[in-house]
Amino acid sequence: MQLVRLTTMILNLNAALDSGKYDDISLAEVKTHIERDDIVPWLRERVPDVDISWWSEEDIREYGEVLLSIHGGHAGDERKKWGVQNKGLCLLLAWTNELVQQRNWTDAR
């Protein structure tokens, strides 16, 4: 996945959060869709302000896989590790940022 995909996701999630329209999305709702491996289709429907129309199927697959990996290793530690305890989009924002931080961006992906 390209860095620009993740940083654009961060910008889109931040704008969606700022709108206040999605404050009712809980951590549990986001985690459920990460576990179901349908986070991107769910985002398209539930949070249309997040534009991911230009993501490839490979991007969608990889994003779901890495979110599931973070979930498997850190679910339940959201407040301690990322300071998130209330809003589901804040969790996605924090975990997408984590993906940017974890990646060795010297590669072409």
N, C-alpha and C. Protein backbone atom coordinates (compact mmCIF):
# COMPACT_ATOMS: atom_id res chain seq x y z
N MET A 1 0.84 -1.18 0.00
CA MET A 1 0.00 0.00 0.00
C MET A 1 0.89 1.24 0.00
N GLN A 2 0.52 2.21 -0.78
CA GLN A 2 1.30 3.43 -0.87
C GLN A 2 1.03 4.35 0.34
N LEU A 3 2.06 5.07 0.71
CA LEU A 3 1.95 6.01 1.82
C LEU A 3 0.83 7.02 1.58
N VAL A 4 0.69 7.47 0.36
CA VAL A 4 -0.34 8.47 0.05
C VAL A 4 -1.74 7.94 0.36
N ARG A 5 -1.97 6.65 0.21
CA ARG A 5 -3.28 6.07 0.53
C ARG A 5 -3.57 6.21 2.04
N LEU A 6 -2.57 5.90 2.85
CA LEU A 6 -2.76 5.97 4.30
C LEU A 6 -2.87 7.41 4.79
N THR A 7 -2.04 8.29 4.27
CA THR A 7 -2.11 9.69 4.73
C THR A 7 -3.40 10.35 4.27
N THR A 8 -3.90 9.99 3.11
CA THR A 8 -5.18 10.52 2.66
C THR A 8 -6.31 9.97 3.53
N MET A 9 -6.21 8.70 3.93
CA MET A 9 -7.20 8.13 4.85
C MET A 9 -7.19 8.91 6.16
N ILE A 10 -6.01 9.23 6.67
CA ILE A 10 -5.91 10.00 7.91
C ILE A 10 -6.60 11.36 7.75
N LEU A 11 -6.35 12.05 6.65
CA LEU A 11 -6.98 13.35 6.41
C LEU A 11 -8.50 13.21 6.32
N ASN A 12 -8.97 12.19 5.61
CA ASN A 12 -10.41 11.97 5.46
C ASN A 12 -11.07 11.63 6.79
N LEU A 13 -10.44 10.76 7.57
CA LEU A 13 -10.99 10.41 8.88
C LEU A 13 -11.03 11.63 9.80
N ASN A 14 -9.99 12.43 9.76
CA ASN A 14 -9.94 13.63 10.58
C ASN A 14 -11.08 14.59 10.22
N ALA A 15 -11.31 14.79 8.93
CA ALA A 15 -12.39 15.67 8.49
C ALA A 15 -13.76 15.11 8.89
N ALA A 16 -13.93 13.79 8.74
CA ALA A 16 -15.19 13.17 9.14
C ALA A 16 -15.43 13.33 10.64
N LEU A 17 -14.39 13.16 11.42
CA LEU A 17 -14.50 13.36 12.87
C LEU A 17 -14.88 14.79 13.20
N ASP A 18 -14.25 15.73 12.52
CA ASP A 18 -14.49 17.14 12.80
C ASP A 18 -15.93 17.54 12.47
N SER A 19 -16.55 16.86 11.53
CA SER A 19 -17.93 17.20 11.14
C SER A 19 -18.93 16.92 12.26
N GLY A 20 -18.59 15.98 13.14
CA GLY A 20 -19.50 15.60 14.21
C GLY A 20 -20.60 14.66 13.78
N LYS A 21 -20.69 14.37 12.48
CA LYS A 21 -21.77 13.53 11.96
C LYS A 21 -21.63 12.06 12.35
N TYR A 22 -20.43 11.67 12.75
CA TYR A 22 -20.17 10.25 13.00
C TYR A 22 -19.77 9.97 14.45
N ASP A 23 -20.12 10.88 15.33
CA ASP A 23 -19.77 10.73 16.74
C ASP A 23 -20.41 9.50 17.39
N ASP A 24 -21.46 8.98 16.77
CA ASP A 24 -22.16 7.84 17.34
C ASP A 24 -21.51 6.50 17.00
N ILE A 25 -20.48 6.51 16.16
CA ILE A 25 -19.81 5.26 15.81
C ILE A 25 -18.91 4.85 16.97
N SER A 26 -19.20 3.70 17.52
CA SER A 26 -18.48 3.24 18.71
C SER A 26 -17.23 2.44 18.35
N LEU A 27 -16.39 2.24 19.36
CA LEU A 27 -15.23 1.36 19.20
C LEU A 27 -15.70 -0.04 18.82
N ALA A 28 -16.74 -0.51 19.48
CA ALA A 28 -17.24 -1.86 19.22
C ALA A 28 -17.69 -2.02 17.77
N GLU A 29 -18.34 -1.01 17.22
CA GLU A 29 -18.80 -1.09 15.83
C GLU A 29 -17.62 -1.21 14.87
N VAL A 30 -16.62 -0.39 15.07
CA VAL A 30 -15.43 -0.44 14.21
C VAL A 30 -14.71 -1.78 14.37
N LYS A 31 -14.54 -2.22 15.60
CA LYS A 31 -13.86 -3.50 15.83
C LYS A 31 -14.60 -4.66 15.18
N THR A 32 -15.92 -4.62 15.23
CA THR A 32 -16.72 -5.67 14.60
C THR A 32 -16.43 -5.74 13.11
N HIS A 33 -16.33 -4.60 12.45
CA HIS A 33 -16.08 -4.60 11.01
C HIS A 33 -14.63 -4.94 10.67
N ILE A 34 -13.73 -4.64 11.56
CA ILE A 34 -12.35 -5.09 11.37
C ILE A 34 -12.31 -6.62 11.47
N GLU A 35 -12.97 -7.17 12.46
CA GLU A 35 -13.01 -8.62 12.65
C GLU A 35 -13.69 -9.33 11.48
N ARG A 36 -14.71 -8.71 10.93
CA ARG A 36 -15.44 -9.30 9.80
C ARG A 36 -14.69 -9.12 8.47
N ASP A 37 -13.63 -8.34 8.52
CA ASP A 37 -12.84 -8.03 7.32
C ASP A 37 -13.68 -7.33 6.26
N ASP A 38 -14.55 -6.43 6.72
CA ASP A 38 -15.34 -5.63 5.79
C ASP A 38 -15.27 -4.14 6.14
N ILE A 39 -14.13 -3.73 6.71
CA ILE A 39 -14.01 -2.35 7.18
C ILE A 39 -14.14 -1.34 6.04
N VAL A 40 -13.55 -1.61 4.89
CA VAL A 40 -13.62 -0.64 3.79
C VAL A 40 -15.03 -0.57 3.19
N PRO A 41 -15.67 -1.70 2.89
CA PRO A 41 -17.06 -1.59 2.42
C PRO A 41 -17.97 -0.91 3.44
N TRP A 42 -17.75 -1.20 4.72
CA TRP A 42 -18.54 -0.56 5.77
C TRP A 42 -18.29 0.95 5.78
N LEU A 43 -17.03 1.36 5.67
CA LEU A 43 -16.71 2.79 5.63
C LEU A 43 -17.40 3.48 4.45
N ARG A 44 -17.36 2.83 3.29
CA ARG A 44 -18.00 3.42 2.10
C ARG A 44 -19.48 3.71 2.36
N GLU A 45 -20.15 2.80 3.04
CA GLU A 45 -21.57 2.95 3.30
C GLU A 45 -21.86 3.85 4.49
N ARG A 46 -21.15 3.62 5.58
CA ARG A 46 -21.46 4.30 6.85
C ARG A 46 -20.86 5.70 6.96
N VAL A 47 -19.70 5.90 6.31
CA VAL A 47 -18.99 7.18 6.40
C VAL A 47 -18.63 7.65 4.98
N PRO A 48 -19.62 8.06 4.21
CA PRO A 48 -19.35 8.41 2.81
C PRO A 48 -18.42 9.61 2.65
N ASP A 49 -18.19 10.37 3.70
CA ASP A 49 -17.23 11.49 3.62
C ASP A 49 -15.79 11.01 3.48
N VAL A 50 -15.53 9.76 3.79
CA VAL A 50 -14.19 9.19 3.62
C VAL A 50 -14.11 8.63 2.20
N ASP A 51 -13.35 9.32 1.36
CA ASP A 51 -13.25 8.95 -0.06
C ASP A 51 -12.13 7.95 -0.27
N ILE A 52 -12.51 6.72 -0.51
CA ILE A 52 -11.53 5.68 -0.82
C ILE A 52 -11.87 5.03 -2.17
N SER A 53 -12.55 5.79 -3.00
CA SER A 53 -12.98 5.28 -4.30
C SER A 53 -11.79 4.92 -5.20
N TRP A 54 -10.67 5.50 -4.95
CA TRP A 54 -9.50 5.29 -5.80
C TRP A 54 -8.57 4.21 -5.27
N TRP A 55 -8.97 3.51 -4.20
CA TRP A 55 -8.18 2.41 -3.67
C TRP A 55 -8.37 1.17 -4.54
N SER A 56 -7.31 0.44 -4.74
CA SER A 56 -7.38 -0.82 -5.49
C SER A 56 -7.88 -1.94 -4.56
N GLU A 57 -8.25 -3.06 -5.15
CA GLU A 57 -8.65 -4.22 -4.35
C GLU A 57 -7.51 -4.68 -3.45
N GLU A 58 -6.28 -4.58 -3.94
CA GLU A 58 -5.11 -4.95 -3.14
C GLU A 58 -4.97 -4.01 -1.94
N ASP A 59 -5.18 -2.71 -2.14
CA ASP A 59 -5.12 -1.75 -1.04
C ASP A 59 -6.16 -2.10 0.03
N ILE A 60 -7.36 -2.40 -0.42
CA ILE A 60 -8.46 -2.73 0.49
C ILE A 60 -8.13 -3.98 1.29
N ARG A 61 -7.63 -5.00 0.61
CA ARG A 61 -7.26 -6.24 1.26
C ARG A 61 -6.16 -6.01 2.29
N GLU A 62 -5.11 -5.29 1.89
CA GLU A 62 -3.98 -5.05 2.78
C GLU A 62 -4.39 -4.22 3.99
N TYR A 63 -5.18 -3.18 3.79
CA TYR A 63 -5.63 -2.34 4.90
C TYR A 63 -6.41 -3.18 5.91
N GLY A 64 -7.31 -4.02 5.41
CA GLY A 64 -8.07 -4.89 6.31
C GLY A 64 -7.18 -5.85 7.08
N GLU A 65 -6.20 -6.42 6.39
CA GLU A 65 -5.29 -7.37 7.04
C GLU A 65 -4.47 -6.71 8.14
N VAL A 66 -3.93 -5.54 7.86
CA VAL A 66 -3.07 -4.91 8.87
C VAL A 66 -3.88 -4.38 10.04
N LEU A 67 -5.10 -3.92 9.78
CA LEU A 67 -5.96 -3.51 10.90
C LEU A 67 -6.31 -4.72 11.76
N LEU A 68 -6.58 -5.84 11.14
CA LEU A 68 -6.88 -7.06 11.89
C LEU A 68 -5.67 -7.49 12.72
N SER A 69 -4.48 -7.31 12.19
CA SER A 69 -3.26 -7.64 12.92
C SER A 69 -3.10 -6.75 14.15
N ILE A 70 -3.33 -5.46 13.99
CA ILE A 70 -3.25 -4.54 15.13
C ILE A 70 -4.33 -4.92 16.15
N HIS A 71 -5.51 -5.19 15.68
CA HIS A 71 -6.62 -5.58 16.56
C HIS A 71 -6.25 -6.83 17.36
N GLY A 72 -5.68 -7.81 16.68
CA GLY A 72 -5.30 -9.05 17.36
C GLY A 72 -4.25 -8.85 18.42
N GLY A 73 -3.37 -7.90 18.21
CA GLY A 73 -2.29 -7.67 19.15
C GLY A 73 -2.57 -6.64 20.23
N HIS A 74 -3.56 -5.76 19.97
CA HIS A 74 -3.74 -4.65 20.90
C HIS A 74 -5.18 -4.35 21.31
N ALA A 75 -6.14 -5.14 20.86
CA ALA A 75 -7.53 -4.89 21.25
C ALA A 75 -7.63 -4.89 22.77
N GLY A 76 -8.29 -3.90 23.28
CA GLY A 76 -8.42 -3.74 24.73
C GLY A 76 -7.42 -2.76 25.31
N ASP A 77 -6.36 -2.45 24.56
CA ASP A 77 -5.34 -1.50 25.01
C ASP A 77 -5.49 -0.12 24.36
N GLU A 78 -6.63 0.14 23.75
CA GLU A 78 -6.79 1.37 22.97
C GLU A 78 -6.57 2.63 23.81
N ARG A 79 -7.11 2.63 25.00
CA ARG A 79 -6.97 3.82 25.85
C ARG A 79 -5.52 4.01 26.28
N LYS A 80 -4.90 2.93 26.71
CA LYS A 80 -3.52 3.01 27.21
C LYS A 80 -2.53 3.34 26.09
N LYS A 81 -2.64 2.68 24.96
CA LYS A 81 -1.65 2.82 23.89
C LYS A 81 -1.90 4.04 23.00
N TRP A 82 -3.19 4.34 22.70
CA TRP A 82 -3.49 5.42 21.75
C TRP A 82 -4.35 6.54 22.34
N GLY A 83 -4.77 6.41 23.58
CA GLY A 83 -5.60 7.44 24.20
C GLY A 83 -7.02 7.47 23.67
N VAL A 84 -7.48 6.36 23.09
CA VAL A 84 -8.82 6.30 22.49
C VAL A 84 -9.70 5.40 23.34
N GLN A 85 -10.90 5.91 23.68
CA GLN A 85 -11.81 5.08 24.44
C GLN A 85 -13.27 5.30 24.08
N ASN A 86 -13.57 6.25 23.21
CA ASN A 86 -14.97 6.57 22.96
C ASN A 86 -15.42 6.43 21.51
N LYS A 87 -14.71 7.00 20.60
CA LYS A 87 -15.18 7.11 19.22
C LYS A 87 -14.46 6.15 18.29
N GLY A 88 -15.26 5.41 17.54
CA GLY A 88 -14.72 4.42 16.62
C GLY A 88 -13.84 5.01 15.53
N LEU A 89 -14.21 6.18 15.00
CA LEU A 89 -13.38 6.78 13.96
C LEU A 89 -12.04 7.24 14.52
N CYS A 90 -12.01 7.60 15.81
CA CYS A 90 -10.73 7.93 16.44
C CYS A 90 -9.83 6.71 16.47
N LEU A 91 -10.41 5.54 16.70
CA LEU A 91 -9.64 4.31 16.69
C LEU A 91 -9.07 4.06 15.30
N LEU A 92 -9.88 4.19 14.26
CA LEU A 92 -9.38 4.01 12.89
C LEU A 92 -8.29 5.01 12.57
N LEU A 93 -8.46 6.23 12.99
CA LEU A 93 -7.45 7.26 12.77
C LEU A 93 -6.14 6.88 13.46
N ALA A 94 -6.22 6.47 14.71
CA ALA A 94 -5.02 6.09 15.46
C ALA A 94 -4.34 4.88 14.84
N TRP A 95 -5.12 3.88 14.44
CA TRP A 95 -4.53 2.67 13.88
C TRP A 95 -3.98 2.90 12.49
N THR A 96 -4.60 3.77 11.72
CA THR A 96 -4.05 4.11 10.39
C THR A 96 -2.74 4.86 10.56
N ASN A 97 -2.68 5.75 11.53
CA ASN A 97 -1.43 6.43 11.84
C ASN A 97 -0.36 5.44 12.29
N GLU A 98 -0.75 4.45 13.05
CA GLU A 98 0.17 3.40 13.49
C GLU A 98 0.76 2.67 12.28
N LEU A 99 -0.05 2.42 11.27
CA LEU A 99 0.44 1.77 10.06
C LEU A 99 1.51 2.61 9.37
N VAL A 100 1.31 3.91 9.33
CA VAL A 100 2.31 4.81 8.75
C VAL A 100 3.60 4.73 9.55
N GLN A 101 3.49 4.72 10.86
CA GLN A 101 4.67 4.68 11.71
C GLN A 101 5.41 3.35 11.64
N GLN A 102 4.70 2.26 11.45
CA GLN A 102 5.32 0.94 11.45
C GLN A 102 6.04 0.61 10.15
N ARG A 103 5.66 1.19 9.08
CA ARG A 103 6.15 0.80 7.76
C ARG A 103 7.52 1.38 7.46
N ASN A 104 8.34 0.62 6.78
CA ASN A 104 9.61 1.11 6.26
C ASN A 104 9.31 1.75 4.91
N TRP A 105 9.23 3.05 4.88
CA TRP A 105 8.78 3.75 3.67
C TRP A 105 9.87 4.00 2.66
N THR A 106 11.00 3.30 2.79
CA THR A 106 12.02 3.42 1.77
C THR A 106 11.69 2.54 0.56
N ASP A 107 10.70 1.62 0.75
CA ASP A 107 10.31 0.78 -0.37
C ASP A 107 9.32 1.51 -1.27
N ALA A 108 9.05 0.96 -2.42
CA ALA A 108 8.19 1.62 -3.41
C ALA A 108 6.72 1.35 -3.17
N ARG A 109 6.36 0.52 -2.22
CA ARG A 109 4.95 0.19 -2.00
C ARG A 109 4.26 1.28 -1.32
